[in-house]
Amino acid sequence: MDTTQAGTTGGSCVKFEYGDKGNGKATISGGVIEGILGNKAGQYTVRARVKVTSTTSTTPIFVLSMQNLNTMTIFERYKGAGEPSNEQVMFSPSQMKTEWNWVELPFYWDGIQPIELWTGRRGGYEPDLVFWEDKVEFVSMD
């Protein structure tokens, strides 16, 4: 946790720095998300309030993914749309800002599959970039 960033919602945020050994990630899974979504199938959007040290890179590094907890299969963005590719759940710094802003990902949950939010940064890319994540929200689109 990082308490040095101005403008955080609760006085602290998660800091994702470079790592050459793998991904830096935070997850929320199971009953926590099911409770937030009311244990109801439907169309949702997950929103993460983030910022990055520089917006020049076009390499997809920041991940915001809703997936099956057991199989790690990414959920469809919309019912019947098919499984999205990894690129559809990754954001480049050029799509973000150096001050707090929201990145969003639509997803469809069938209300049955075990659910997990995977958020963070991919390892091995852009060692000078740092991401901060302040808050995550789920919004029903139904």
Foldseek 3Di string as FASTA:
>chain_A
DDQPDPPFPPRDWDKFAADQPWWDKDKDWDPVVCVQVVLAWAKKKKKWWKAKQDQPDQDFWKFWFKAQPPPRFTAALDVPPDGDDRVLGTGGSVVHHRHIDMDMTMGTDHSPGTIMIITGTTHDPDRVMMMITRDMDMGGPD
